[in-house]
Amino acid sequence: MLLLPAFALAGCGEADPPEESAPPEATSELGPSPEQEVFWANLQALCGEAFVGETIEAPSTSDWWESELIMHVRECSDDEIRIPLHVDDDRSRTWVVSRSDTGLRLKHDHRLADGTPDTTNTDYGGDTGEPGTEIRQEFPADQYSIDAVPGRADQFWFLEVLPGEIFAYGLLREATEGEGLRYRVEFDLTRPVEPPPAPWGFEG
């Protein structure tokens, strides 16, 4: 009688189940990217200082062309930087940059002269969707901003910090239905000025 080798007989049986592999670990980390961390540090380095701005791009009807613009990096913490923008004697605007779970966030805090929030025009902005660069960060409009102004669906705001040279703020809205919208104002970091009064609602 023909006898098959033991290893051949073993091959006819049921194979041992493969070992279960561990699920792949998430490759993305929460919080700001390395580029955003450098950007954040460069912005923090300006804390306490104020600078005069020049309008580079804006609608022809904007009063920014004829106004004195001063930005003041007024309040800095580990998670939030508040930058009031003074347009002549109008102290209603503050840019609020903060750290989020996915990167950085830009919001606009608008106040009335009595210090109360301008409920018809405040808290708009958005979160970064890309790592950005050490110099420039872009903030696409979030759903709250789009709900308030549907034309913002394709809009983003941006901030730039070129250490020792310029700080820039602006926005870009592509022309989809009707006209697009572009703003860019640059502040000269080589010439700090006397900080202006506190923005409305924050005189304390």
N, C-alpha and C. Protein backbone atom coordinates (compact mmCIF):
# COMPACT_ATOMS: atom_id res chain seq x y z
N MET A 1 0.85 -1.18 0.00
CA MET A 1 0.00 0.00 0.00
C MET A 1 0.90 1.24 0.00
N LEU A 2 0.51 2.25 -0.87
CA LEU A 2 1.32 3.46 -1.00
C LEU A 2 1.05 4.38 0.17
N LEU A 3 2.12 4.80 0.80
CA LEU A 3 2.00 5.73 1.93
C LEU A 3 2.46 7.12 1.48
N LEU A 4 1.60 8.13 1.70
CA LEU A 4 1.99 9.51 1.35
C LEU A 4 2.81 10.09 2.48
N PRO A 5 3.76 10.91 2.14
CA PRO A 5 4.55 11.56 3.20
C PRO A 5 3.64 12.36 4.12
N ALA A 6 4.09 12.51 5.35
CA ALA A 6 3.29 13.19 6.36
C ALA A 6 2.98 14.62 5.96
N PHE A 7 3.98 15.30 5.27
CA PHE A 7 3.73 16.71 4.94
C PHE A 7 2.67 16.83 3.87
N ALA A 8 2.52 15.79 3.01
CA ALA A 8 1.49 15.83 1.97
C ALA A 8 0.11 15.67 2.59
N LEU A 9 -0.01 14.75 3.58
CA LEU A 9 -1.28 14.56 4.25
C LEU A 9 -1.69 15.83 4.99
N ALA A 10 -0.71 16.49 5.58
CA ALA A 10 -1.03 17.70 6.33
C ALA A 10 -1.59 18.77 5.41
N GLY A 11 -1.16 18.78 4.16
CA GLY A 11 -1.63 19.78 3.23
C GLY A 11 -3.09 19.61 2.87
N CYS A 12 -3.68 18.43 3.10
CA CYS A 12 -5.07 18.21 2.76
C CYS A 12 -6.02 18.70 3.84
N GLY A 13 -5.51 18.99 5.04
CA GLY A 13 -6.37 19.42 6.13
C GLY A 13 -6.72 20.90 6.02
N GLU A 14 -7.53 21.38 6.95
CA GLU A 14 -7.95 22.79 6.96
C GLU A 14 -6.80 23.65 7.44
N ALA A 15 -6.50 24.71 6.74
CA ALA A 15 -5.37 25.59 7.09
C ALA A 15 -5.68 26.37 8.35
N ASP A 16 -4.63 26.67 9.10
CA ASP A 16 -4.81 27.50 10.29
C ASP A 16 -5.25 28.89 9.87
N PRO A 17 -6.19 29.50 10.60
CA PRO A 17 -6.66 30.85 10.24
C PRO A 17 -5.51 31.85 10.37
N PRO A 18 -5.46 32.83 9.45
CA PRO A 18 -4.38 33.83 9.54
C PRO A 18 -4.56 34.70 10.77
N GLU A 19 -3.44 35.17 11.28
CA GLU A 19 -3.51 36.04 12.44
C GLU A 19 -4.14 37.38 12.03
N GLU A 20 -5.01 37.91 12.89
CA GLU A 20 -5.63 39.19 12.61
C GLU A 20 -4.63 40.30 12.80
N SER A 21 -4.57 41.19 11.81
CA SER A 21 -3.65 42.31 11.90
C SER A 21 -4.33 43.48 12.61
N ALA A 22 -3.54 44.26 13.30
CA ALA A 22 -4.07 45.41 14.01
C ALA A 22 -4.55 46.45 13.01
N PRO A 23 -5.62 47.17 13.33
CA PRO A 23 -6.09 48.21 12.41
C PRO A 23 -5.02 49.26 12.22
N PRO A 24 -4.93 49.84 11.00
CA PRO A 24 -3.90 50.85 10.76
C PRO A 24 -4.11 52.06 11.65
N GLU A 25 -3.00 52.60 12.12
CA GLU A 25 -3.09 53.77 12.96
C GLU A 25 -3.39 55.00 12.12
N ALA A 26 -4.11 55.93 12.70
CA ALA A 26 -4.42 57.17 11.98
C ALA A 26 -3.12 57.90 11.66
N THR A 27 -3.02 58.41 10.46
CA THR A 27 -1.79 59.08 10.04
C THR A 27 -1.86 60.58 10.26
N SER A 28 -3.06 61.11 10.48
CA SER A 28 -3.18 62.55 10.67
C SER A 28 -3.24 62.88 12.16
N GLU A 29 -2.60 63.99 12.52
CA GLU A 29 -2.59 64.42 13.89
C GLU A 29 -3.56 65.59 14.05
N LEU A 30 -4.16 65.68 15.21
CA LEU A 30 -5.04 66.78 15.49
C LEU A 30 -4.22 68.03 15.80
N GLY A 31 -4.85 69.16 15.60
CA GLY A 31 -4.20 70.41 15.94
C GLY A 31 -3.47 71.01 14.75
N PRO A 32 -2.83 72.18 14.97
CA PRO A 32 -2.13 72.86 13.89
C PRO A 32 -0.99 72.03 13.30
N SER A 33 -0.75 72.26 12.01
CA SER A 33 0.35 71.60 11.32
C SER A 33 1.67 72.25 11.73
N PRO A 34 2.81 71.64 11.39
CA PRO A 34 4.10 72.28 11.70
C PRO A 34 4.21 73.67 11.08
N GLU A 35 3.69 73.84 9.85
CA GLU A 35 3.72 75.15 9.22
C GLU A 35 2.89 76.16 10.02
N GLN A 36 1.74 75.71 10.50
CA GLN A 36 0.87 76.59 11.28
C GLN A 36 1.47 76.93 12.63
N GLU A 37 2.23 76.03 13.21
CA GLU A 37 2.89 76.32 14.48
C GLU A 37 3.90 77.45 14.31
N VAL A 38 4.64 77.44 13.20
CA VAL A 38 5.60 78.52 12.94
C VAL A 38 4.84 79.83 12.70
N PHE A 39 3.77 79.75 11.90
CA PHE A 39 2.95 80.94 11.64
C PHE A 39 2.43 81.51 12.95
N TRP A 40 1.92 80.65 13.81
CA TRP A 40 1.38 81.07 15.10
C TRP A 40 2.46 81.76 15.94
N ALA A 41 3.65 81.18 15.98
CA ALA A 41 4.74 81.76 16.76
C ALA A 41 5.13 83.13 16.22
N ASN A 42 5.14 83.28 14.89
CA ASN A 42 5.48 84.57 14.29
C ASN A 42 4.41 85.63 14.61
N LEU A 43 3.16 85.21 14.68
CA LEU A 43 2.09 86.13 15.04
C LEU A 43 2.17 86.49 16.52
N GLN A 44 2.45 85.51 17.35
CA GLN A 44 2.60 85.76 18.79
C GLN A 44 3.73 86.75 19.06
N ALA A 45 4.77 86.71 18.24
CA ALA A 45 5.93 87.57 18.44
C ALA A 45 5.57 89.05 18.28
N LEU A 46 4.45 89.34 17.65
CA LEU A 46 4.02 90.72 17.44
C LEU A 46 3.15 91.24 18.58
N CYS A 47 2.88 90.42 19.58
CA CYS A 47 1.93 90.79 20.62
C CYS A 47 2.35 92.08 21.33
N GLY A 48 1.37 92.97 21.48
CA GLY A 48 1.59 94.25 22.13
C GLY A 48 1.92 95.38 21.18
N GLU A 49 2.21 95.05 19.93
CA GLU A 49 2.62 96.07 18.98
C GLU A 49 1.48 96.45 18.03
N ALA A 50 1.59 97.65 17.47
CA ALA A 50 0.60 98.17 16.54
C ALA A 50 1.31 98.70 15.30
N PHE A 51 0.60 98.63 14.15
CA PHE A 51 1.22 99.00 12.87
C PHE A 51 0.19 99.66 11.97
N VAL A 52 0.67 100.56 11.13
CA VAL A 52 -0.19 101.26 10.17
C VAL A 52 -0.27 100.43 8.89
N GLY A 53 -1.48 100.41 8.31
CA GLY A 53 -1.70 99.62 7.10
C GLY A 53 -1.92 100.47 5.87
N GLU A 54 -1.73 99.83 4.73
CA GLU A 54 -1.98 100.44 3.42
C GLU A 54 -2.88 99.52 2.62
N THR A 55 -3.96 100.06 2.08
CA THR A 55 -4.86 99.27 1.26
C THR A 55 -4.22 99.01 -0.09
N ILE A 56 -4.10 97.73 -0.43
CA ILE A 56 -3.50 97.33 -1.69
C ILE A 56 -4.57 96.98 -2.72
N GLU A 57 -5.65 96.36 -2.23
CA GLU A 57 -6.74 95.95 -3.11
C GLU A 57 -8.04 96.01 -2.35
N ALA A 58 -9.07 96.59 -2.97
CA ALA A 58 -10.39 96.72 -2.37
C ALA A 58 -11.33 97.24 -3.44
N PRO A 59 -12.64 97.06 -3.24
CA PRO A 59 -13.58 97.66 -4.19
C PRO A 59 -13.38 99.18 -4.26
N SER A 60 -13.64 99.75 -5.41
CA SER A 60 -13.43 101.18 -5.59
C SER A 60 -14.30 102.01 -4.65
N THR A 61 -15.41 101.44 -4.19
CA THR A 61 -16.31 102.16 -3.30
C THR A 61 -15.94 102.04 -1.83
N SER A 62 -14.93 101.24 -1.50
CA SER A 62 -14.57 101.02 -0.10
C SER A 62 -13.95 102.27 0.52
N ASP A 63 -14.36 102.56 1.77
CA ASP A 63 -13.78 103.70 2.46
C ASP A 63 -12.38 103.41 2.98
N TRP A 64 -11.92 102.15 2.83
CA TRP A 64 -10.58 101.81 3.29
C TRP A 64 -9.50 102.57 2.51
N TRP A 65 -9.79 102.94 1.27
CA TRP A 65 -8.79 103.64 0.46
C TRP A 65 -8.40 104.97 1.09
N GLU A 66 -9.34 105.65 1.72
CA GLU A 66 -9.09 106.98 2.26
C GLU A 66 -8.91 106.99 3.77
N SER A 67 -9.00 105.83 4.40
CA SER A 67 -8.98 105.77 5.87
C SER A 67 -7.59 105.41 6.40
N GLU A 68 -7.34 105.83 7.64
CA GLU A 68 -6.15 105.37 8.34
C GLU A 68 -6.46 104.01 8.97
N LEU A 69 -5.64 103.03 8.67
CA LEU A 69 -5.83 101.67 9.18
C LEU A 69 -4.71 101.34 10.15
N ILE A 70 -5.09 100.92 11.35
CA ILE A 70 -4.09 100.50 12.35
C ILE A 70 -4.53 99.16 12.93
N MET A 71 -3.63 98.20 12.88
CA MET A 71 -3.89 96.91 13.54
C MET A 71 -3.04 96.84 14.80
N HIS A 72 -3.62 96.22 15.82
CA HIS A 72 -2.96 96.14 17.13
C HIS A 72 -3.06 94.70 17.63
N VAL A 73 -1.93 94.01 17.73
CA VAL A 73 -1.92 92.64 18.26
C VAL A 73 -2.03 92.79 19.78
N ARG A 74 -3.26 92.87 20.25
CA ARG A 74 -3.53 93.38 21.59
C ARG A 74 -3.52 92.32 22.68
N GLU A 75 -4.09 91.15 22.41
CA GLU A 75 -4.22 90.12 23.44
C GLU A 75 -3.73 88.78 22.90
N CYS A 76 -2.85 88.14 23.64
CA CYS A 76 -2.30 86.85 23.21
C CYS A 76 -2.34 85.86 24.37
N SER A 77 -2.86 84.68 24.09
CA SER A 77 -2.81 83.58 25.04
C SER A 77 -2.29 82.35 24.29
N ASP A 78 -2.23 81.23 24.97
CA ASP A 78 -1.75 80.02 24.32
C ASP A 78 -2.65 79.58 23.17
N ASP A 79 -3.94 79.93 23.25
CA ASP A 79 -4.90 79.41 22.28
C ASP A 79 -5.63 80.48 21.47
N GLU A 80 -5.40 81.77 21.76
CA GLU A 80 -6.15 82.81 21.06
C GLU A 80 -5.32 84.08 20.96
N ILE A 81 -5.42 84.75 19.81
CA ILE A 81 -4.77 86.04 19.57
C ILE A 81 -5.84 86.99 19.04
N ARG A 82 -6.01 88.13 19.70
CA ARG A 82 -7.02 89.11 19.31
C ARG A 82 -6.32 90.33 18.71
N ILE A 83 -6.75 90.72 17.50
CA ILE A 83 -6.10 91.79 16.76
C ILE A 83 -7.15 92.82 16.34
N PRO A 84 -7.36 93.86 17.13
CA PRO A 84 -8.29 94.91 16.70
C PRO A 84 -7.78 95.61 15.44
N LEU A 85 -8.71 95.96 14.56
CA LEU A 85 -8.43 96.76 13.38
C LEU A 85 -9.18 98.08 13.53
N HIS A 86 -8.46 99.17 13.54
CA HIS A 86 -9.05 100.49 13.67
C HIS A 86 -9.09 101.15 12.30
N VAL A 87 -10.27 101.57 11.88
CA VAL A 87 -10.46 102.27 10.61
C VAL A 87 -10.86 103.69 10.96
N ASP A 88 -9.88 104.60 10.92
CA ASP A 88 -10.08 105.95 11.47
C ASP A 88 -10.55 105.82 12.92
N ASP A 89 -11.70 106.41 13.24
CA ASP A 89 -12.19 106.35 14.63
C ASP A 89 -13.12 105.16 14.88
N ASP A 90 -13.28 104.32 13.89
CA ASP A 90 -14.16 103.14 14.02
C ASP A 90 -13.37 102.02 14.71
N ARG A 91 -13.79 101.68 15.91
CA ARG A 91 -13.10 100.64 16.70
C ARG A 91 -13.96 99.39 16.83
N SER A 92 -14.74 99.09 15.80
CA SER A 92 -15.72 98.01 15.88
C SER A 92 -15.14 96.63 15.56
N ARG A 93 -14.00 96.57 14.89
CA ARG A 93 -13.53 95.30 14.32
C ARG A 93 -12.39 94.68 15.11
N THR A 94 -12.46 93.38 15.31
CA THR A 94 -11.35 92.62 15.89
C THR A 94 -11.23 91.28 15.17
N TRP A 95 -10.02 90.99 14.70
CA TRP A 95 -9.74 89.66 14.14
C TRP A 95 -9.36 88.74 15.30
N VAL A 96 -9.97 87.59 15.35
CA VAL A 96 -9.69 86.62 16.41
C VAL A 96 -9.13 85.36 15.78
N VAL A 97 -7.85 85.11 16.03
CA VAL A 97 -7.18 83.91 15.52
C VAL A 97 -7.02 82.94 16.67
N SER A 98 -7.43 81.70 16.47
CA SER A 98 -7.35 80.72 17.54
C SER A 98 -6.91 79.36 17.00
N ARG A 99 -6.47 78.53 17.92
CA ARG A 99 -6.09 77.17 17.59
C ARG A 99 -7.34 76.29 17.64
N SER A 100 -7.46 75.35 16.71
CA SER A 100 -8.61 74.44 16.70
C SER A 100 -8.10 73.00 16.67
N ASP A 101 -9.04 72.07 16.70
CA ASP A 101 -8.66 70.65 16.65
C ASP A 101 -8.05 70.26 15.32
N THR A 102 -8.30 71.05 14.29
CA THR A 102 -7.82 70.68 12.95
C THR A 102 -6.84 71.68 12.37
N GLY A 103 -6.51 72.74 13.10
CA GLY A 103 -5.57 73.72 12.57
C GLY A 103 -5.74 75.07 13.24
N LEU A 104 -6.02 76.09 12.43
CA LEU A 104 -6.23 77.43 12.94
C LEU A 104 -7.59 77.95 12.49
N ARG A 105 -8.11 78.91 13.22
CA ARG A 105 -9.43 79.48 12.93
C ARG A 105 -9.32 81.00 12.94
N LEU A 106 -10.04 81.64 12.03
CA LEU A 106 -10.15 83.09 12.00
C LEU A 106 -11.61 83.48 12.11
N LYS A 107 -11.92 84.34 13.07
CA LYS A 107 -13.26 84.88 13.22
C LYS A 107 -13.18 86.40 13.30
N HIS A 108 -14.30 87.05 12.98
CA HIS A 108 -14.39 88.50 13.01
C HIS A 108 -15.38 88.90 14.11
N ASP A 109 -14.89 89.62 15.11
CA ASP A 109 -15.72 90.10 16.21
C ASP A 109 -16.06 91.55 15.92
N HIS A 110 -17.33 91.82 15.62
CA HIS A 110 -17.78 93.19 15.34
C HIS A 110 -18.64 93.69 16.49
N ARG A 111 -18.35 94.91 16.96
CA ARG A 111 -19.07 95.50 18.08
C ARG A 111 -19.68 96.84 17.68
N LEU A 112 -20.78 97.17 18.35
CA LEU A 112 -21.35 98.49 18.22
C LEU A 112 -20.61 99.45 19.16
N ALA A 113 -20.86 100.74 18.99
CA ALA A 113 -20.15 101.73 19.78
C ALA A 113 -20.40 101.56 21.28
N ASP A 114 -21.53 100.96 21.66
CA ASP A 114 -21.80 100.73 23.09
C ASP A 114 -21.16 99.45 23.61
N GLY A 115 -20.43 98.76 22.74
CA GLY A 115 -19.71 97.56 23.16
C GLY A 115 -20.45 96.26 22.95
N THR A 116 -21.72 96.32 22.60
CA THR A 116 -22.49 95.08 22.39
C THR A 116 -22.17 94.50 21.02
N PRO A 117 -22.27 93.18 20.87
CA PRO A 117 -22.00 92.55 19.57
C PRO A 117 -22.96 93.06 18.48
N ASP A 118 -22.43 93.26 17.30
CA ASP A 118 -23.24 93.63 16.14
C ASP A 118 -23.85 92.34 15.60
N THR A 119 -25.03 92.00 16.08
CA THR A 119 -25.62 90.69 15.77
C THR A 119 -25.93 90.51 14.28
N THR A 120 -25.96 91.59 13.52
CA THR A 120 -26.23 91.47 12.09
C THR A 120 -24.96 91.22 11.28
N ASN A 121 -23.79 91.34 11.95
CA ASN A 121 -22.55 91.24 11.18
C ASN A 121 -21.37 90.93 12.10
N THR A 122 -21.35 89.72 12.63
CA THR A 122 -20.24 89.33 13.50
C THR A 122 -20.07 87.82 13.50
N ASP A 123 -18.90 87.37 13.98
CA ASP A 123 -18.59 85.95 14.17
C ASP A 123 -18.45 85.18 12.86
N TYR A 124 -18.27 85.87 11.75
CA TYR A 124 -18.04 85.15 10.50
C TYR A 124 -16.55 84.85 10.34
N GLY A 125 -16.24 83.87 9.51
CA GLY A 125 -14.85 83.45 9.29
C GLY A 125 -14.81 81.99 8.91
N GLY A 126 -13.76 81.30 9.32
CA GLY A 126 -13.64 79.89 8.97
C GLY A 126 -12.37 79.27 9.51
N ASP A 127 -12.21 77.98 9.25
CA ASP A 127 -11.05 77.20 9.68
C ASP A 127 -10.16 76.88 8.50
N THR A 128 -8.88 76.72 8.78
CA THR A 128 -7.96 76.29 7.74
C THR A 128 -8.35 74.90 7.25
N GLY A 129 -8.20 74.67 5.96
CA GLY A 129 -8.48 73.35 5.40
C GLY A 129 -7.23 72.65 4.92
N GLU A 130 -6.12 73.38 4.89
CA GLU A 130 -4.83 72.85 4.44
C GLU A 130 -3.76 73.28 5.44
N PRO A 131 -2.58 72.61 5.40
CA PRO A 131 -1.51 73.01 6.32
C PRO A 131 -1.04 74.44 6.12
N GLY A 132 -1.21 74.97 4.90
CA GLY A 132 -0.73 76.31 4.63
C GLY A 132 0.78 76.38 4.62
N THR A 133 1.31 77.59 4.80
CA THR A 133 2.76 77.77 4.85
C THR A 133 3.11 78.52 6.12
N GLU A 134 4.38 78.63 6.38
CA GLU A 134 4.83 79.38 7.56
C GLU A 134 4.52 80.86 7.44
N ILE A 135 4.25 81.32 6.22
CA ILE A 135 4.00 82.74 5.97
C ILE A 135 2.52 83.04 5.76
N ARG A 136 1.77 82.11 5.14
CA ARG A 136 0.39 82.41 4.75
C ARG A 136 -0.57 81.30 5.18
N GLN A 137 -1.71 81.70 5.74
CA GLN A 137 -2.78 80.78 6.10
C GLN A 137 -4.09 81.27 5.50
N GLU A 138 -4.87 80.32 4.96
CA GLU A 138 -6.15 80.65 4.34
C GLU A 138 -7.29 80.00 5.13
N PHE A 139 -8.42 80.73 5.20
CA PHE A 139 -9.55 80.32 6.03
C PHE A 139 -10.83 80.34 5.19
N PRO A 140 -11.20 79.21 4.58
CA PRO A 140 -12.45 79.16 3.80
C PRO A 140 -13.67 79.45 4.69
N ALA A 141 -14.65 80.11 4.10
CA ALA A 141 -15.86 80.47 4.86
C ALA A 141 -16.53 79.23 5.42
N ASP A 142 -16.88 79.28 6.71
CA ASP A 142 -17.60 78.17 7.33
C ASP A 142 -19.10 78.29 7.05
N GLN A 143 -19.85 77.28 7.50
CA GLN A 143 -21.28 77.24 7.16
C GLN A 143 -22.02 78.42 7.76
N TYR A 144 -21.65 78.83 8.96
CA TYR A 144 -22.30 79.99 9.58
C TYR A 144 -22.15 81.22 8.69
N SER A 145 -20.96 81.42 8.16
CA SER A 145 -20.69 82.59 7.31
C SER A 145 -21.46 82.51 6.00
N ILE A 146 -21.56 81.31 5.45
CA ILE A 146 -22.28 81.13 4.19
C ILE A 146 -23.78 81.32 4.38
N ASP A 147 -24.29 80.81 5.50
CA ASP A 147 -25.72 80.99 5.79
C ASP A 147 -26.06 82.48 5.91
N ALA A 148 -25.14 83.25 6.48
CA ALA A 148 -25.38 84.69 6.64
C ALA A 148 -25.31 85.43 5.31
N VAL A 149 -24.34 85.03 4.47
CA VAL A 149 -24.16 85.65 3.14
C VAL A 149 -23.86 84.53 2.15
N PRO A 150 -24.87 84.04 1.42
CA PRO A 150 -24.66 82.90 0.51
C PRO A 150 -23.53 83.12 -0.50
N GLY A 151 -23.25 84.36 -0.85
CA GLY A 151 -22.17 84.63 -1.79
C GLY A 151 -20.80 84.23 -1.28
N ARG A 152 -20.70 83.93 0.02
CA ARG A 152 -19.41 83.53 0.59
C ARG A 152 -19.07 82.06 0.35
N ALA A 153 -19.90 81.35 -0.35
CA ALA A 153 -19.66 79.91 -0.53
C ALA A 153 -18.28 79.62 -1.12
N ASP A 154 -17.79 80.51 -1.98
CA ASP A 154 -16.47 80.31 -2.60
C ASP A 154 -15.44 81.30 -2.06
N GLN A 155 -15.68 81.81 -0.88
CA GLN A 155 -14.80 82.85 -0.32
C GLN A 155 -13.85 82.28 0.71
N PHE A 156 -12.66 82.87 0.79
CA PHE A 156 -11.77 82.59 1.90
C PHE A 156 -11.08 83.88 2.32
N TRP A 157 -10.73 83.94 3.60
CA TRP A 157 -9.92 85.02 4.14
C TRP A 157 -8.49 84.51 4.25
N PHE A 158 -7.53 85.42 4.31
CA PHE A 158 -6.15 84.99 4.49
C PHE A 158 -5.41 85.97 5.40
N LEU A 159 -4.40 85.43 6.07
CA LEU A 159 -3.47 86.21 6.87
C LEU A 159 -2.06 85.84 6.43
N GLU A 160 -1.19 86.83 6.40
CA GLU A 160 0.22 86.59 6.07
C GLU A 160 1.09 87.29 7.10
N VAL A 161 2.15 86.63 7.52
CA VAL A 161 3.14 87.24 8.40
C VAL A 161 4.52 86.97 7.81
N LEU A 162 5.14 88.03 7.31
CA LEU A 162 6.52 87.95 6.84
C LEU A 162 7.35 88.67 7.90
N PRO A 163 7.96 87.90 8.82
CA PRO A 163 8.60 88.52 9.99
C PRO A 163 9.55 89.66 9.62
N GLY A 164 9.40 90.76 10.34
CA GLY A 164 10.25 91.91 10.12
C GLY A 164 9.92 92.72 8.89
N GLU A 165 8.85 92.32 8.15
CA GLU A 165 8.50 93.03 6.92
C GLU A 165 7.03 93.44 6.89
N ILE A 166 6.13 92.48 6.69
CA ILE A 166 4.72 92.85 6.58
C ILE A 166 3.80 91.85 7.28
N PHE A 167 2.66 92.36 7.68
CA PHE A 167 1.50 91.55 8.06
C PHE A 167 0.41 91.91 7.07
N ALA A 168 -0.26 90.93 6.51
CA ALA A 168 -1.31 91.19 5.53
C ALA A 168 -2.59 90.48 5.92
N TYR A 169 -3.69 91.14 5.63
CA TYR A 169 -5.03 90.58 5.80
C TYR A 169 -5.78 90.79 4.51
N GLY A 170 -6.62 89.82 4.15
CA GLY A 170 -7.44 90.03 2.96
C GLY A 170 -8.45 88.91 2.78
N LEU A 171 -9.17 89.03 1.70
CA LEU A 171 -10.15 88.00 1.35
C LEU A 171 -10.26 87.92 -0.17
N LEU A 172 -10.73 86.78 -0.62
CA LEU A 172 -10.95 86.56 -2.05
C LEU A 172 -12.26 85.81 -2.23
N ARG A 173 -13.15 86.36 -3.03
CA ARG A 173 -14.39 85.71 -3.40
C ARG A 173 -14.45 85.65 -4.92
N GLU A 174 -14.47 84.42 -5.45
CA GLU A 174 -14.51 84.27 -6.90
C GLU A 174 -15.84 84.78 -7.46
N ALA A 175 -15.78 85.29 -8.67
CA ALA A 175 -16.99 85.78 -9.34
C ALA A 175 -17.74 84.61 -9.95
N THR A 176 -18.74 84.08 -9.23
CA THR A 176 -19.57 83.00 -9.75
C THR A 176 -20.89 83.57 -10.25
N GLU A 177 -21.64 84.13 -9.34
CA GLU A 177 -22.87 84.84 -9.71
C GLU A 177 -22.68 86.30 -9.30
N GLY A 178 -22.59 87.17 -10.28
CA GLY A 178 -22.32 88.56 -9.98
C GLY A 178 -20.82 88.81 -9.90
N GLU A 179 -20.44 89.86 -9.18
CA GLU A 179 -19.05 90.26 -9.11
C GLU A 179 -18.32 89.53 -7.99
N GLY A 180 -17.01 89.35 -8.19
CA GLY A 180 -16.19 88.81 -7.13
C GLY A 180 -15.85 89.91 -6.12
N LEU A 181 -15.05 89.55 -5.14
CA LEU A 181 -14.69 90.49 -4.09
C LEU A 181 -13.25 90.22 -3.67
N ARG A 182 -12.45 91.28 -3.63
CA ARG A 182 -11.05 91.15 -3.24
C ARG A 182 -10.67 92.27 -2.28
N TYR A 183 -10.01 91.90 -1.20
CA TYR A 183 -9.43 92.87 -0.28
C TYR A 183 -8.00 92.41 0.04
N ARG A 184 -7.11 93.38 0.16
CA ARG A 184 -5.79 93.10 0.70
C ARG A 184 -5.25 94.39 1.31
N VAL A 185 -4.86 94.30 2.57
CA VAL A 185 -4.24 95.44 3.24
C VAL A 185 -2.95 94.95 3.89
N GLU A 186 -1.89 95.73 3.76
CA GLU A 186 -0.58 95.35 4.27
C GLU A 186 -0.15 96.33 5.35
N PHE A 187 0.41 95.79 6.44
CA PHE A 187 0.87 96.59 7.56
C PHE A 187 2.39 96.49 7.65
N ASP A 188 3.04 97.64 7.78
CA ASP A 188 4.50 97.73 7.78
C ASP A 188 5.06 97.36 9.15
N LEU A 189 5.66 96.17 9.25
CA LEU A 189 6.19 95.70 10.53
C LEU A 189 7.51 96.36 10.91
N THR A 190 8.09 97.14 10.00
CA THR A 190 9.35 97.81 10.32
C THR A 190 9.13 99.10 11.09
N ARG A 191 7.87 99.55 11.19
CA ARG A 191 7.59 100.85 11.81
C ARG A 191 6.41 100.74 12.79
N PRO A 192 6.63 100.16 13.96
CA PRO A 192 5.55 100.10 14.96
C PRO A 192 5.15 101.50 15.40
N VAL A 193 3.87 101.65 15.77
CA VAL A 193 3.33 102.93 16.21
C VAL A 193 2.74 102.79 17.60
N GLU A 194 2.35 103.92 18.18
CA GLU A 194 1.72 103.90 19.50
C GLU A 194 0.41 103.12 19.42
N PRO A 195 0.20 102.15 20.31
CA PRO A 195 -1.05 101.38 20.27
C PRO A 195 -2.27 102.29 20.40
N PRO A 196 -3.31 102.02 19.65
CA PRO A 196 -4.53 102.84 19.72
C PRO A 196 -5.36 102.48 20.95
N PRO A 197 -6.47 103.19 21.18
CA PRO A 197 -7.36 102.82 22.29
C PRO A 197 -7.92 101.42 22.10
N ALA A 198 -8.46 100.87 23.16
CA ALA A 198 -9.06 99.53 23.10
C ALA A 198 -10.26 99.55 22.16
N PRO A 199 -10.55 98.41 21.54
CA PRO A 199 -11.74 98.34 20.69
C PRO A 199 -13.01 98.48 21.53
N TRP A 200 -14.07 98.83 20.88
CA TRP A 200 -15.34 99.01 21.57
C TRP A 200 -15.71 97.73 22.33
N GLY A 201 -16.12 97.90 23.57
CA GLY A 201 -16.52 96.76 24.38
C GLY A 201 -15.40 96.15 25.18
N PHE A 202 -14.15 96.63 24.99
CA PHE A 202 -13.00 96.03 25.69
C PHE A 202 -12.13 97.11 26.33
N GLU A 203 -12.78 98.16 26.82
CA GLU A 203 -12.02 99.27 27.38
C GLU A 203 -11.39 98.94 28.72
N GLY A 204 -11.86 97.86 29.38
CA GLY A 204 -11.34 97.51 30.68
C GLY A 204 -9.94 96.95 30.66
